[in-house]
PDB file of N, CA and C in Angstrom:
ATOM      1  N   UNK A   1       4.909   8.044 -11.320  1.00  0.00           N
ATOM      2  CA  UNK A   1       4.510   9.256 -10.666  1.00  0.00           C
ATOM      3  C   UNK A   1       4.763  10.405 -11.636  1.00  0.00           C
ATOM      4  N   UNK A   2       3.733  11.187 -11.842  1.00  0.00           N
ATOM      5  CA  UNK A   2       3.839  12.238 -12.840  1.00  0.00           C
ATOM      6  C   UNK A   2       3.694  13.646 -12.271  1.00  0.00           C
ATOM      7  N   UNK A   3       3.293  13.747 -11.010  1.00  0.00           N
ATOM      8  CA  UNK A   3       3.094  15.091 -10.459  1.00  0.00           C
ATOM      9  C   UNK A   3       3.308  15.084  -8.956  1.00  0.00           C
ATOM     10  N   UNK A   4       3.447  16.289  -8.435  1.00  0.00           N
ATOM     11  CA  UNK A   4       3.589  16.451  -6.994  1.00  0.00           C
ATOM     12  C   UNK A   4       2.315  16.018  -6.278  1.00  0.00           C
ATOM     13  N   UNK A   5       1.169  16.256  -6.891  1.00  0.00           N
ATOM     14  CA  UNK A   5      -0.113  15.833  -6.293  1.00  0.00           C
ATOM     15  C   UNK A   5      -0.187  14.317  -6.175  1.00  0.00           C
ATOM     16  N   UNK A   6       0.309  13.616  -7.160  1.00  0.00           N
ATOM     17  CA  UNK A   6       0.307  12.144  -7.107  1.00  0.00           C
ATOM     18  C   UNK A   6       1.210  11.663  -5.965  1.00  0.00           C
ATOM     19  N   UNK A   7       2.356  12.316  -5.800  1.00  0.00           N
ATOM     20  CA  UNK A   7       3.249  11.983  -4.694  1.00  0.00           C
ATOM     21  C   UNK A   7       2.574  12.242  -3.354  1.00  0.00           C
ATOM     22  N   UNK A   8       1.879  13.351  -3.212  1.00  0.00           N
ATOM     23  CA  UNK A   8       1.161  13.660  -1.969  1.00  0.00           C
ATOM     24  C   UNK A   8       0.077  12.619  -1.690  1.00  0.00           C
ATOM     25  N   UNK A   9      -0.629  12.196  -2.735  1.00  0.00           N
ATOM     26  CA  UNK A   9      -1.680  11.187  -2.566  1.00  0.00           C
ATOM     27  C   UNK A   9      -1.085   9.873  -2.080  1.00  0.00           C
ATOM     28  N   UNK A  10       0.060   9.494  -2.618  1.00  0.00           N
ATOM     29  CA  UNK A  10       0.733   8.260  -2.178  1.00  0.00           C
ATOM     30  C   UNK A  10       1.151   8.399  -0.722  1.00  0.00           C
ATOM     31  N   UNK A  11       1.709   9.550  -0.348  1.00  0.00           N
ATOM     32  CA  UNK A  11       2.133   9.773   1.030  1.00  0.00           C
ATOM     33  C   UNK A  11       0.948   9.683   1.988  1.00  0.00           C
ATOM     34  N   UNK A  12      -0.160  10.295   1.644  1.00  0.00           N
ATOM     35  CA  UNK A  12      -1.352  10.249   2.497  1.00  0.00           C
ATOM     36  C   UNK A  12      -1.860   8.818   2.663  1.00  0.00           C
ATOM     37  N   UNK A  13      -1.861   8.066   1.578  1.00  0.00           N
ATOM     38  CA  UNK A  13      -2.319   6.679   1.648  1.00  0.00           C
ATOM     39  C   UNK A  13      -1.409   5.864   2.568  1.00  0.00           C
ATOM     40  N   UNK A  14      -0.093   6.036   2.429  1.00  0.00           N
ATOM     41  CA  UNK A  14       0.855   5.285   3.242  1.00  0.00           C
ATOM     42  C   UNK A  14       0.812   5.720   4.701  1.00  0.00           C
ATOM     43  N   UNK A  15       0.533   6.976   4.974  1.00  0.00           N
ATOM     44  CA  UNK A  15       0.407   7.427   6.364  1.00  0.00           C
ATOM     45  C   UNK A  15      -0.699   6.670   7.072  1.00  0.00           C
ATOM     46  N   UNK A  16      -1.718   6.267   6.354  1.00  0.00           N
ATOM     47  CA  UNK A  16      -2.791   5.475   6.942  1.00  0.00           C
ATOM     48  C   UNK A  16      -2.401   4.031   7.167  1.00  0.00           C
ATOM     49  N   UNK A  17      -1.371   3.573   6.470  1.00  0.00           N
ATOM     50  CA  UNK A  17      -0.953   2.173   6.557  1.00  0.00           C
ATOM     51  C   UNK A  17       0.143   1.931   7.579  1.00  0.00           C
ATOM     52  N   UNK A  18       1.056   2.860   7.686  1.00  0.00           N
ATOM     53  CA  UNK A  18       2.235   2.623   8.506  1.00  0.00           C
ATOM     54  C   UNK A  18       2.242   3.613   9.656  1.00  0.00           C
ATOM     55  N   UNK A  19       2.327   3.091  10.884  1.00  0.00           N
ATOM     56  CA  UNK A  19       2.326   3.948  12.064  1.00  0.00           C
ATOM     57  C   UNK A  19       3.681   4.590  12.285  1.00  0.00           C
ATOM     58  N   UNK A  20       3.680   5.683  12.986  1.00  0.00           N
ATOM     59  CA  UNK A  20       4.903   6.384  13.332  1.00  0.00           C
ATOM     60  C   UNK A  20       5.032   6.442  14.851  1.00  0.00           C
ATOM     61  N   UNK A  21       6.189   6.801  15.351  1.00  0.00           N
ATOM     62  CA  UNK A  21       6.458   6.790  16.781  1.00  0.00           C
ATOM     63  C   UNK A  21       5.525   7.677  17.585  1.00  0.00           C
ATOM     64  N   UNK A  22       4.871   8.617  16.959  1.00  0.00           N
ATOM     65  CA  UNK A  22       3.995   9.521  17.691  1.00  0.00           C
ATOM     66  C   UNK A  22       2.647   8.898  18.033  1.00  0.00           C
ATOM     67  N   UNK A  23       2.430   7.657  17.674  1.00  0.00           N
ATOM     68  CA  UNK A  23       1.142   7.007  17.926  1.00  0.00           C
ATOM     69  C   UNK A  23       0.944   6.800  19.427  1.00  0.00           C
ATOM     70  N   UNK A  24      -0.278   6.624  19.818  1.00  0.00           N
ATOM     71  CA  UNK A  24      -0.652   6.448  21.217  1.00  0.00           C
ATOM     72  C   UNK A  24      -0.007   5.197  21.809  1.00  0.00           C
ATOM     73  N   UNK A  25       0.326   5.263  23.090  1.00  0.00           N
ATOM     74  CA  UNK A  25       0.918   4.105  23.759  1.00  0.00           C
ATOM     75  C   UNK A  25      -0.113   2.997  23.975  1.00  0.00           C
ATOM     76  N   UNK A  26      -1.384   3.274  23.708  1.00  0.00           N
ATOM     77  CA  UNK A  26      -2.424   2.250  23.818  1.00  0.00           C
ATOM     78  C   UNK A  26      -2.511   1.391  22.562  1.00  0.00           C
ATOM     79  N   UNK A  27      -1.759   1.750  21.544  1.00  0.00           N
ATOM     80  CA  UNK A  27      -1.785   1.007  20.293  1.00  0.00           C
ATOM     81  C   UNK A  27      -0.892  -0.226  20.361  1.00  0.00           C
ATOM     82  N   UNK A  28      -1.291  -1.257  19.646  1.00  0.00           N
ATOM     83  CA  UNK A  28      -0.427  -2.407  19.422  1.00  0.00           C
ATOM     84  C   UNK A  28       0.448  -2.061  18.229  1.00  0.00           C
ATOM     85  N   UNK A  29       1.751  -2.299  18.369  1.00  0.00           N
ATOM     86  CA  UNK A  29       2.681  -2.025  17.274  1.00  0.00           C
ATOM     87  C   UNK A  29       3.203  -3.331  16.705  1.00  0.00           C
ATOM     88  N   UNK A  30       3.140  -3.447  15.393  1.00  0.00           N
ATOM     89  CA  UNK A  30       3.750  -4.560  14.670  1.00  0.00           C
ATOM     90  C   UNK A  30       4.965  -3.975  13.976  1.00  0.00           C
ATOM     91  N   UNK A  31       6.156  -4.431  14.362  1.00  0.00           N
ATOM     92  CA  UNK A  31       7.396  -3.851  13.859  1.00  0.00           C
ATOM     93  C   UNK A  31       8.113  -4.882  12.979  1.00  0.00           C
ATOM     94  N   UNK A  32       8.410  -4.480  11.757  1.00  0.00           N
ATOM     95  CA  UNK A  32       9.081  -5.353  10.799  1.00  0.00           C
ATOM     96  C   UNK A  32      10.511  -4.862  10.606  1.00  0.00           C
ATOM     97  N   UNK A  33      11.477  -5.768  10.752  1.00  0.00           N
ATOM     98  CA  UNK A  33      12.886  -5.439  10.517  1.00  0.00           C
ATOM     99  C   UNK A  33      13.134  -5.219   9.040  1.00  0.00           C
ATOM    100  N   UNK A  34      13.557  -3.994   8.693  1.00  0.00           N
ATOM    101  CA  UNK A  34      13.750  -3.643   7.286  1.00  0.00           C
ATOM    102  C   UNK A  34      15.181  -3.201   6.990  1.00  0.00           C
ATOM    103  N   UNK A  35      16.141  -3.781   7.685  1.00  0.00           N
ATOM    104  CA  UNK A  35      17.539  -3.535   7.335  1.00  0.00           C
ATOM    105  C   UNK A  35      17.854  -4.359   6.083  1.00  0.00           C
ATOM    106  N   UNK A  36      19.063  -4.247   5.592  1.00  0.00           N
ATOM    107  CA  UNK A  36      19.420  -4.951   4.352  1.00  0.00           C
ATOM    108  C   UNK A  36      19.191  -6.443   4.450  1.00  0.00           C
ATOM    109  N   UNK A  37      19.517  -7.027   5.597  1.00  0.00           N
ATOM    110  CA  UNK A  37      19.340  -8.479   5.752  1.00  0.00           C
ATOM    111  C   UNK A  37      17.863  -8.858   5.728  1.00  0.00           C
ATOM    112  N   UNK A  38      17.023  -8.050   6.343  1.00  0.00           N
ATOM    113  CA  UNK A  38      15.588  -8.310   6.332  1.00  0.00           C
ATOM    114  C   UNK A  38      15.005  -8.179   4.939  1.00  0.00           C
ATOM    115  N   UNK A  39      15.385  -7.114   4.241  1.00  0.00           N
ATOM    116  CA  UNK A  39      14.882  -6.900   2.882  1.00  0.00           C
ATOM    117  C   UNK A  39      15.335  -8.040   1.974  1.00  0.00           C
ATOM    118  N   UNK A  40      16.598  -8.434   2.090  1.00  0.00           N
ATOM    119  CA  UNK A  40      17.122  -9.528   1.256  1.00  0.00           C
ATOM    120  C   UNK A  40      16.411 -10.845   1.543  1.00  0.00           C
ATOM    121  N   UNK A  41      15.901 -10.998   2.764  1.00  0.00           N
ATOM    122  CA  UNK A  41      15.209 -12.235   3.153  1.00  0.00           C
ATOM    123  C   UNK A  41      13.719 -12.207   2.856  1.00  0.00           C
ATOM    124  N   UNK A  42      13.201 -11.060   2.409  1.00  0.00           N
ATOM    125  CA  UNK A  42      11.787 -10.991   2.048  1.00  0.00           C
ATOM    126  C   UNK A  42      10.916 -10.173   2.966  1.00  0.00           C
ATOM    127  N   UNK A  43      11.492  -9.233   3.714  1.00  0.00           N
ATOM    128  CA  UNK A  43      10.703  -8.436   4.657  1.00  0.00           C
ATOM    129  C   UNK A  43       9.754  -7.451   3.969  1.00  0.00           C
ATOM    130  N   UNK A  44      10.109  -6.992   2.782  1.00  0.00           N
ATOM    131  CA  UNK A  44       9.261  -6.000   2.108  1.00  0.00           C
ATOM    132  C   UNK A  44       7.853  -6.538   1.841  1.00  0.00           C
ATOM    133  N   UNK A  45       7.681  -7.762   1.270  1.00  0.00           N
ATOM    134  CA  UNK A  45       6.319  -8.282   1.093  1.00  0.00           C
ATOM    135  C   UNK A  45       5.606  -8.560   2.419  1.00  0.00           C
ATOM    136  N   UNK A  46       6.359  -8.870   3.465  1.00  0.00           N
ATOM    137  CA  UNK A  46       5.763  -9.083   4.792  1.00  0.00           C
ATOM    138  C   UNK A  46       5.202  -7.766   5.310  1.00  0.00           C
ATOM    139  N   UNK A  47       5.976  -6.687   5.205  1.00  0.00           N
ATOM    140  CA  UNK A  47       5.524  -5.366   5.635  1.00  0.00           C
ATOM    141  C   UNK A  47       4.276  -4.944   4.860  1.00  0.00           C
ATOM    142  N   UNK A  48       4.304  -5.131   3.554  1.00  0.00           N
ATOM    143  CA  UNK A  48       3.161  -4.754   2.722  1.00  0.00           C
ATOM    144  C   UNK A  48       1.926  -5.574   3.077  1.00  0.00           C
ATOM    145  N   UNK A  49       2.091  -6.867   3.266  1.00  0.00           N
ATOM    146  CA  UNK A  49       0.966  -7.732   3.635  1.00  0.00           C
ATOM    147  C   UNK A  49       0.355  -7.283   4.954  1.00  0.00           C
ATOM    148  N   UNK A  50       1.188  -7.042   5.962  1.00  0.00           N
ATOM    149  CA  UNK A  50       0.683  -6.617   7.263  1.00  0.00           C
ATOM    150  C   UNK A  50      -0.029  -5.267   7.164  1.00  0.00           C
ATOM    151  N   UNK A  51       0.581  -4.313   6.462  1.00  0.00           N
ATOM    152  CA  UNK A  51      -0.031  -2.984   6.308  1.00  0.00           C
ATOM    153  C   UNK A  51      -1.376  -3.081   5.604  1.00  0.00           C
ATOM    154  N   UNK A  52      -1.409  -3.837   4.511  1.00  0.00           N
ATOM    155  CA  UNK A  52      -2.650  -3.988   3.748  1.00  0.00           C
ATOM    156  C   UNK A  52      -3.743  -4.652   4.581  1.00  0.00           C
ATOM    157  N   UNK A  53      -3.397  -5.702   5.319  1.00  0.00           N
ATOM    158  CA  UNK A  53      -4.387  -6.438   6.116  1.00  0.00           C
ATOM    159  C   UNK A  53      -4.923  -5.598   7.282  1.00  0.00           C
ATOM    160  N   UNK A  54      -4.043  -4.851   7.929  1.00  0.00           N
ATOM    161  CA  UNK A  54      -4.487  -3.991   9.036  1.00  0.00           C
ATOM    162  C   UNK A  54      -5.470  -2.954   8.508  1.00  0.00           C
ATOM    163  N   UNK A  55      -5.150  -2.366   7.373  1.00  0.00           N
ATOM    164  CA  UNK A  55      -6.043  -1.366   6.792  1.00  0.00           C
ATOM    165  C   UNK A  55      -7.353  -2.010   6.332  1.00  0.00           C
ATOM    166  N   UNK A  56      -7.273  -3.153   5.660  1.00  0.00           N
ATOM    167  CA  UNK A  56      -8.457  -3.839   5.147  1.00  0.00           C
ATOM    168  C   UNK A  56      -9.409  -4.237   6.269  1.00  0.00           C
ATOM    169  N   UNK A  57      -8.844  -4.661   7.402  1.00  0.00           N
ATOM    170  CA  UNK A  57      -9.655  -5.104   8.538  1.00  0.00           C
ATOM    171  C   UNK A  57     -10.096  -3.944   9.426  1.00  0.00           C
ATOM    172  N   UNK A  58      -9.587  -2.757   9.145  1.00  0.00           N
ATOM    173  CA  UNK A  58      -9.972  -1.583   9.933  1.00  0.00           C
ATOM    174  C   UNK A  58      -9.507  -1.645  11.377  1.00  0.00           C
ATOM    175  N   UNK A  59      -8.321  -2.200  11.605  1.00  0.00           N
ATOM    176  CA  UNK A  59      -7.784  -2.339  12.963  1.00  0.00           C
ATOM    177  C   UNK A  59      -7.138  -1.012  13.388  1.00  0.00           C
ATOM    178  N   UNK A  60      -7.944  -0.119  13.950  1.00  0.00           N
ATOM    179  CA  UNK A  60      -7.497   1.236  14.291  1.00  0.00           C
ATOM    180  C   UNK A  60      -6.476   1.256  15.421  1.00  0.00           C
ATOM    181  N   UNK A  61      -6.498   0.270  16.303  1.00  0.00           N
ATOM    182  CA  UNK A  61      -5.581   0.230  17.445  1.00  0.00           C
ATOM    183  C   UNK A  61      -4.247  -0.442  17.104  1.00  0.00           C
ATOM    184  N   UNK A  62      -4.057  -0.826  15.853  1.00  0.00           N
ATOM    185  CA  UNK A  62      -2.853  -1.538  15.433  1.00  0.00           C
ATOM    186  C   UNK A  62      -2.084  -0.684  14.437  1.00  0.00           C
ATOM    187  N   UNK A  63      -0.796  -0.508  14.695  1.00  0.00           N
ATOM    188  CA  UNK A  63       0.067   0.270  13.812  1.00  0.00           C
ATOM    189  C   UNK A  63       1.195  -0.621  13.318  1.00  0.00           C
ATOM    190  N   UNK A  64       1.436  -0.583  12.025  1.00  0.00           N
ATOM    191  CA  UNK A  64       2.533  -1.334  11.423  1.00  0.00           C
ATOM    192  C   UNK A  64       3.680  -0.357  11.213  1.00  0.00           C
ATOM    193  N   UNK A  65       4.845  -0.712  11.753  1.00  0.00           N
ATOM    194  CA  UNK A  65       6.028   0.145  11.689  1.00  0.00           C
ATOM    195  C   UNK A  65       7.184  -0.656  11.111  1.00  0.00           C
ATOM    196  N   UNK A  66       8.199   0.059  10.713  1.00  0.00           N
ATOM    197  CA  UNK A  66       9.420  -0.617  10.296  1.00  0.00           C
ATOM    198  C   UNK A  66      10.582  -0.113  11.125  1.00  0.00           C
ATOM    199  N   UNK A  67      11.603  -0.941  11.237  1.00  0.00           N
ATOM    200  CA  UNK A  67      12.797  -0.562  11.973  1.00  0.00           C
ATOM    201  C   UNK A  67      14.009  -1.040  11.193  1.00  0.00           C
ATOM    202  N   UNK A  68      15.166  -0.661  11.653  1.00  0.00           N
ATOM    203  CA  UNK A  68      16.404  -1.094  11.024  1.00  0.00           C
ATOM    204  C   UNK A  68      16.805  -2.471  11.536  1.00  0.00           C
ATOM    205  N   UNK A  69      18.078  -2.644  11.708  1.00  0.00           N
ATOM    206  CA  UNK A  69      18.622  -3.945  12.092  1.00  0.00           C
ATOM    207  C   UNK A  69      18.181  -4.337  13.502  1.00  0.00           C
ATOM    208  N   UNK A  70      17.685  -5.552  13.624  1.00  0.00           N
ATOM    209  CA  UNK A  70      17.288  -6.093  14.921  1.00  0.00           C
ATOM    210  C   UNK A  70      18.440  -6.894  15.524  1.00  0.00           C
ATOM    211  N   UNK A  71      19.391  -7.294  14.686  1.00  0.00           N
ATOM    212  CA  UNK A  71      20.594  -7.966  15.160  1.00  0.00           C
ATOM    213  C   UNK A  71      20.540  -9.479  15.121  1.00  0.00           C
ATOM    214  N   UNK A  72      19.546 -10.029  14.480  1.00  0.00           N
ATOM    215  CA  UNK A  72      19.404 -11.490  14.396  1.00  0.00           C
ATOM    216  C   UNK A  72      19.231 -11.898  12.937  1.00  0.00           C
ATOM    217  N   UNK A  73      20.224 -11.563  12.122  1.00  0.00           N
ATOM    218  CA  UNK A  73      20.108 -11.720  10.667  1.00  0.00           C
ATOM    219  C   UNK A  73      19.705 -13.123  10.233  1.00  0.00           C
ATOM    220  N   UNK A  74      20.167 -14.138  10.941  1.00  0.00           N
ATOM    221  CA  UNK A  74      19.867 -15.520  10.547  1.00  0.00           C
ATOM    222  C   UNK A  74      18.390 -15.869  10.698  1.00  0.00           C
ATOM    223  N   UNK A  75      17.611 -15.024  11.394  1.00  0.00           N
ATOM    224  CA  UNK A  75      16.187 -15.293  11.622  1.00  0.00           C
ATOM    225  C   UNK A  75      15.265 -14.407  10.779  1.00  0.00           C
ATOM    226  N   UNK A  76      15.821 -13.584   9.912  1.00  0.00           N
ATOM    227  CA  UNK A  76      15.007 -12.667   9.100  1.00  0.00           C
ATOM    228  C   UNK A  76      14.133 -13.436   8.115  1.00  0.00           C
ATOM    229  N   UNK A  77      13.037 -12.836   7.732  1.00  0.00           N
ATOM    230  CA  UNK A  77      12.389 -11.621   8.206  1.00  0.00           C
ATOM    231  C   UNK A  77      11.832 -11.776   9.620  1.00  0.00           C
ATOM    232  N   UNK A  78      12.014 -10.721  10.410  1.00  0.00           N
ATOM    233  CA  UNK A  78      11.583 -10.709  11.805  1.00  0.00           C
ATOM    234  C   UNK A  78      10.430  -9.728  11.976  1.00  0.00           C
ATOM    235  N   UNK A  79       9.420 -10.150  12.742  1.00  0.00           N
ATOM    236  CA  UNK A  79       8.287  -9.296  13.083  1.00  0.00           C
ATOM    237  C   UNK A  79       8.155  -9.308  14.603  1.00  0.00           C
ATOM    238  N   UNK A  80       8.148  -8.122  15.207  1.00  0.00           N
ATOM    239  CA  UNK A  80       7.976  -8.008  16.649  1.00  0.00           C
ATOM    240  C   UNK A  80       6.626  -7.382  16.943  1.00  0.00           C
ATOM    241  N   UNK A  81       5.949  -7.920  17.956  1.00  0.00           N
ATOM    242  CA  UNK A  81       4.639  -7.421  18.375  1.00  0.00           C
ATOM    243  C   UNK A  81       4.796  -6.786  19.747  1.00  0.00           C
ATOM    244  N   UNK A  82       4.402  -5.523  19.849  1.00  0.00           N
ATOM    245  CA  UNK A  82       4.421  -4.786  21.104  1.00  0.00           C
ATOM    246  C   UNK A  82       2.978  -4.455  21.468  1.00  0.00           C
ATOM    247  N   UNK A  83       2.482  -5.077  22.522  1.00  0.00           N
ATOM    248  CA  UNK A  83       1.130  -4.806  23.008  1.00  0.00           C
ATOM    249  C   UNK A  83       1.237  -4.134  24.366  1.00  0.00           C
ATOM    250  N   UNK A  84       0.420  -3.124  24.615  1.00  0.00           N
ATOM    251  CA  UNK A  84       0.472  -2.425  25.898  1.00  0.00           C
ATOM    252  C   UNK A  84       0.314  -3.391  27.071  1.00  0.00           C
ATOM    253  N   UNK A  85       1.237  -3.291  28.037  1.00  0.00           N
ATOM    254  CA  UNK A  85       1.153  -4.103  29.239  1.00  0.00           C
ATOM    255  C   UNK A  85       1.587  -5.549  29.078  1.00  0.00           C
ATOM    256  N   UNK A  86       2.142  -5.911  27.922  1.00  0.00           N
ATOM    257  CA  UNK A  86       2.571  -7.297  27.686  1.00  0.00           C
ATOM    258  C   UNK A  86       4.027  -7.330  27.237  1.00  0.00           C
ATOM    259  N   UNK A  87       4.628  -8.517  27.364  1.00  0.00           N
ATOM    260  CA  UNK A  87       5.991  -8.733  26.882  1.00  0.00           C
ATOM    261  C   UNK A  87       6.014  -8.691  25.358  1.00  0.00           C
ATOM    262  N   UNK A  88       7.111  -8.227  24.807  1.00  0.00           N
ATOM    263  CA  UNK A  88       7.305  -8.233  23.362  1.00  0.00           C
ATOM    264  C   UNK A  88       7.331  -9.682  22.870  1.00  0.00           C
ATOM    265  N   UNK A  89       6.736  -9.918  21.708  1.00  0.00           N
ATOM    266  CA  UNK A  89       6.778 -11.239  21.073  1.00  0.00           C
ATOM    267  C   UNK A  89       7.524 -11.084  19.763  1.00  0.00           C
ATOM    268  N   UNK A  90       8.503 -11.967  19.521  1.00  0.00           N
ATOM    269  CA  UNK A  90       9.306 -11.912  18.302  1.00  0.00           C
ATOM    270  C   UNK A  90       9.027 -13.132  17.443  1.00  0.00           C
ATOM    271  N   UNK A  91       8.580 -12.870  16.226  1.00  0.00           N
ATOM    272  CA  UNK A  91       8.346 -13.933  15.246  1.00  0.00           C
ATOM    273  C   UNK A  91       9.479 -13.916  14.232  1.00  0.00           C
ATOM    274  N   UNK A  92       9.934 -15.106  13.844  1.00  0.00           N
ATOM    275  CA  UNK A  92      11.088 -15.206  12.948  1.00  0.00           C
ATOM    276  C   UNK A  92      10.740 -15.978  11.678  1.00  0.00           C
ATOM    277  N   UNK A  93      11.573 -15.723  10.661  1.00  0.00           N
ATOM    278  CA  UNK A  93      11.412 -16.361   9.342  1.00  0.00           C
ATOM    279  C   UNK A  93       9.980 -16.220   8.838  1.00  0.00           C
ATOM    280  N   UNK A  94       9.481 -14.984   8.928  1.00  0.00           N
ATOM    281  CA  UNK A  94       8.098 -14.686   8.563  1.00  0.00           C
ATOM    282  C   UNK A  94       7.999 -14.474   7.054  1.00  0.00           C
ATOM    283  N   UNK A  95       6.973 -15.038   6.465  1.00  0.00           N
ATOM    284  CA  UNK A  95       6.654 -14.798   5.056  1.00  0.00           C
ATOM    285  C   UNK A  95       5.239 -14.207   5.017  1.00  0.00           C
ATOM    286  N   UNK A  96       4.745 -13.797   3.856  1.00  0.00           N
ATOM    287  CA  UNK A  96       3.408 -13.196   3.821  1.00  0.00           C
ATOM    288  C   UNK A  96       2.298 -14.095   4.368  1.00  0.00           C
ATOM    289  N   UNK A  97       2.380 -15.393   4.145  1.00  0.00           N
ATOM    290  CA  UNK A  97       1.354 -16.308   4.661  1.00  0.00           C
ATOM    291  C   UNK A  97       1.390 -16.359   6.190  1.00  0.00           C
ATOM    292  N   UNK A  98       2.602 -16.440   6.754  1.00  0.00           N
ATOM    293  CA  UNK A  98       2.738 -16.433   8.211  1.00  0.00           C
ATOM    294  C   UNK A  98       2.285 -15.088   8.781  1.00  0.00           C
ATOM    295  N   UNK A  99       2.549 -14.008   8.051  1.00  0.00           N
ATOM    296  CA  UNK A  99       2.155 -12.678   8.506  1.00  0.00           C
ATOM    297  C   UNK A  99       0.637 -12.588   8.672  1.00  0.00           C
ATOM    298  N   UNK A 100      -0.100 -13.136   7.722  1.00  0.00           N
ATOM    299  CA  UNK A 100      -1.564 -13.133   7.824  1.00  0.00           C
ATOM    300  C   UNK A 100      -2.005 -13.996   9.006  1.00  0.00           C
ATOM    301  N   UNK A 101      -1.355 -15.118   9.197  1.00  0.00           N
ATOM    302  CA  UNK A 101      -1.642 -16.000  10.333  1.00  0.00           C
ATOM    303  C   UNK A 101      -1.386 -15.277  11.657  1.00  0.00           C
ATOM    304  N   UNK A 102      -0.262 -14.572  11.746  1.00  0.00           N
ATOM    305  CA  UNK A 102       0.092 -13.827  12.954  1.00  0.00           C
ATOM    306  C   UNK A 102      -0.955 -12.745  13.227  1.00  0.00           C
ATOM    307  N   UNK A 103      -1.355 -12.046  12.187  1.00  0.00           N
ATOM    308  CA  UNK A 103      -2.368 -11.005  12.355  1.00  0.00           C
ATOM    309  C   UNK A 103      -3.684 -11.592  12.852  1.00  0.00           C
ATOM    310  N   UNK A 104      -4.107 -12.681  12.246  1.00  0.00           N
ATOM    311  CA  UNK A 104      -5.388 -13.294  12.615  1.00  0.00           C
ATOM    312  C   UNK A 104      -5.337 -13.904  14.019  1.00  0.00           C
ATOM    313  N   UNK A 105      -4.327 -14.726  14.275  1.00  0.00           N
ATOM    314  CA  UNK A 105      -4.260 -15.450  15.549  1.00  0.00           C
ATOM    315  C   UNK A 105      -3.834 -14.553  16.715  1.00  0.00           C
ATOM    316  N   UNK A 106      -2.723 -13.825  16.528  1.00  0.00           N
ATOM    317  CA  UNK A 106      -2.155 -13.057  17.639  1.00  0.00           C
ATOM    318  C   UNK A 106      -2.884 -11.721  17.842  1.00  0.00           C
ATOM    319  N   UNK A 107      -3.021 -10.952  16.784  1.00  0.00           N
ATOM    320  CA  UNK A 107      -3.576  -9.606  16.930  1.00  0.00           C
ATOM    321  C   UNK A 107      -5.089  -9.647  17.123  1.00  0.00           C
ATOM    322  N   UNK A 108      -5.800 -10.395  16.278  1.00  0.00           N
ATOM    323  CA  UNK A 108      -7.267 -10.406  16.345  1.00  0.00           C
ATOM    324  C   UNK A 108      -7.768 -11.303  17.475  1.00  0.00           C
ATOM    325  N   UNK A 109      -7.220 -12.508  17.594  1.00  0.00           N
ATOM    326  CA  UNK A 109      -7.719 -13.474  18.588  1.00  0.00           C
ATOM    327  C   UNK A 109      -6.949 -13.468  19.903  1.00  0.00           C
ATOM    328  N   UNK A 110      -5.796 -12.807  19.933  1.00  0.00           N
ATOM    329  CA  UNK A 110      -5.023 -12.716  21.172  1.00  0.00           C
ATOM    330  C   UNK A 110      -4.259 -13.971  21.546  1.00  0.00           C
ATOM    331  N   UNK A 111      -3.971 -14.821  20.560  1.00  0.00           N
ATOM    332  CA  UNK A 111      -3.257 -16.080  20.821  1.00  0.00           C
ATOM    333  C   UNK A 111      -1.935 -16.088  20.052  1.00  0.00           C
ATOM    334  N   UNK A 112      -0.835 -15.926  20.783  1.00  0.00           N
ATOM    335  CA  UNK A 112       0.480 -15.954  20.152  1.00  0.00           C
ATOM    336  C   UNK A 112       0.713 -17.322  19.510  1.00  0.00           C
ATOM    337  N   UNK A 113       1.473 -17.347  18.436  1.00  0.00           N
ATOM    338  CA  UNK A 113       1.731 -18.584  17.698  1.00  0.00           C
ATOM    339  C   UNK A 113       3.127 -19.074  18.054  1.00  0.00           C
ATOM    340  N   UNK A 114       3.201 -20.008  18.952  1.00  0.00           N
ATOM    341  CA  UNK A 114       4.459 -20.507  19.498  1.00  0.00           C
ATOM    342  C   UNK A 114       5.417 -21.018  18.420  1.00  0.00           C
ATOM    343  N   UNK A 115       4.905 -21.712  17.430  1.00  0.00           N
ATOM    344  CA  UNK A 115       5.789 -22.340  16.436  1.00  0.00           C
ATOM    345  C   UNK A 115       6.498 -21.319  15.542  1.00  0.00           C
ATOM    346  N   UNK A 116       6.060 -20.074  15.485  1.00  0.00           N
ATOM    347  CA  UNK A 116       6.709 -19.038  14.690  1.00  0.00           C
ATOM    348  C   UNK A 116       7.627 -18.150  15.533  1.00  0.00           C
ATOM    349  N   UNK A 117       7.598 -18.337  16.853  1.00  0.00           N
ATOM    350  CA  UNK A 117       8.292 -17.427  17.771  1.00  0.00           C
ATOM    351  C   UNK A 117       9.760 -17.775  17.964  1.00  0.00           C
ATOM    352  N   UNK A 118      10.517 -16.740  18.291  1.00  0.00           N
ATOM    353  CA  UNK A 118      11.914 -16.917  18.695  1.00  0.00           C
ATOM    354  C   UNK A 118      11.917 -17.265  20.173  1.00  0.00           C
ATOM    355  N   UNK A 119      12.575 -18.356  20.520  1.00  0.00           N
ATOM    356  CA  UNK A 119      12.687 -18.762  21.917  1.00  0.00           C
ATOM    357  C   UNK A 119      14.134 -18.653  22.350  1.00  0.00           C
ATOM    358  N   UNK A 120      14.359 -17.859  23.375  1.00  0.00           N
ATOM    359  CA  UNK A 120      15.713 -17.643  23.887  1.00  0.00           C
ATOM    360  C   UNK A 120      15.977 -18.676  24.976  1.00  0.00           C
ATOM    361  N   UNK A 121      17.141 -19.278  24.925  1.00  0.00           N
ATOM    362  CA  UNK A 121      17.547 -20.247  25.931  1.00  0.00           C
ATOM    363  C   UNK A 121      17.768 -19.506  27.247  1.00  0.00           C
ATOM    364  N   UNK A 122      16.947 -19.773  28.228  1.00  0.00           N
ATOM    365  CA  UNK A 122      17.016 -19.070  29.509  1.00  0.00           C
ATOM    366  C   UNK A 122      18.230 -19.504  30.351  1.00  0.00           C
ATOM    367  N   UNK A 123      18.947 -20.550  29.947  1.00  0.00           N
ATOM    368  CA  UNK A 123      20.111 -21.014  30.699  1.00  0.00           C
ATOM    369  C   UNK A 123      21.383 -20.329  30.240  1.00  0.00           C
ATOM    370  N   UNK A 124      21.291 -19.346  29.384  1.00  0.00           N
ATOM    371  CA  UNK A 124      22.479 -18.676  28.844  1.00  0.00           C
ATOM    372  C   UNK A 124      23.135 -17.805  29.895  1.00  0.00           C
TER     373      UNK A 124
END
């Protein structure tokens, strides 16, 4: 980066890739855990893959966001999907290949991928 204008251009480009909390409640949010444990486990390439794919596919109703610690370090990288009117879906041990699969199957086709999901024992 060599100038303030270059920094502004990068910021504008990223604003188109990553959603912020002010987005409409009608949007689907893809949230990637980006705390230290997530980053150490590979969350940064997952976030970039999801952001790039959403932009490339022109998915205007989908926002990719990041968050801090989700509290399940052993399952990182974690991706949570929030769709209006539906239960949150949590995907665990996500890599860039799984991220593309999640985007295609869950976001585009509306079919959650059971084998990538976190399942909580309901007898707890």
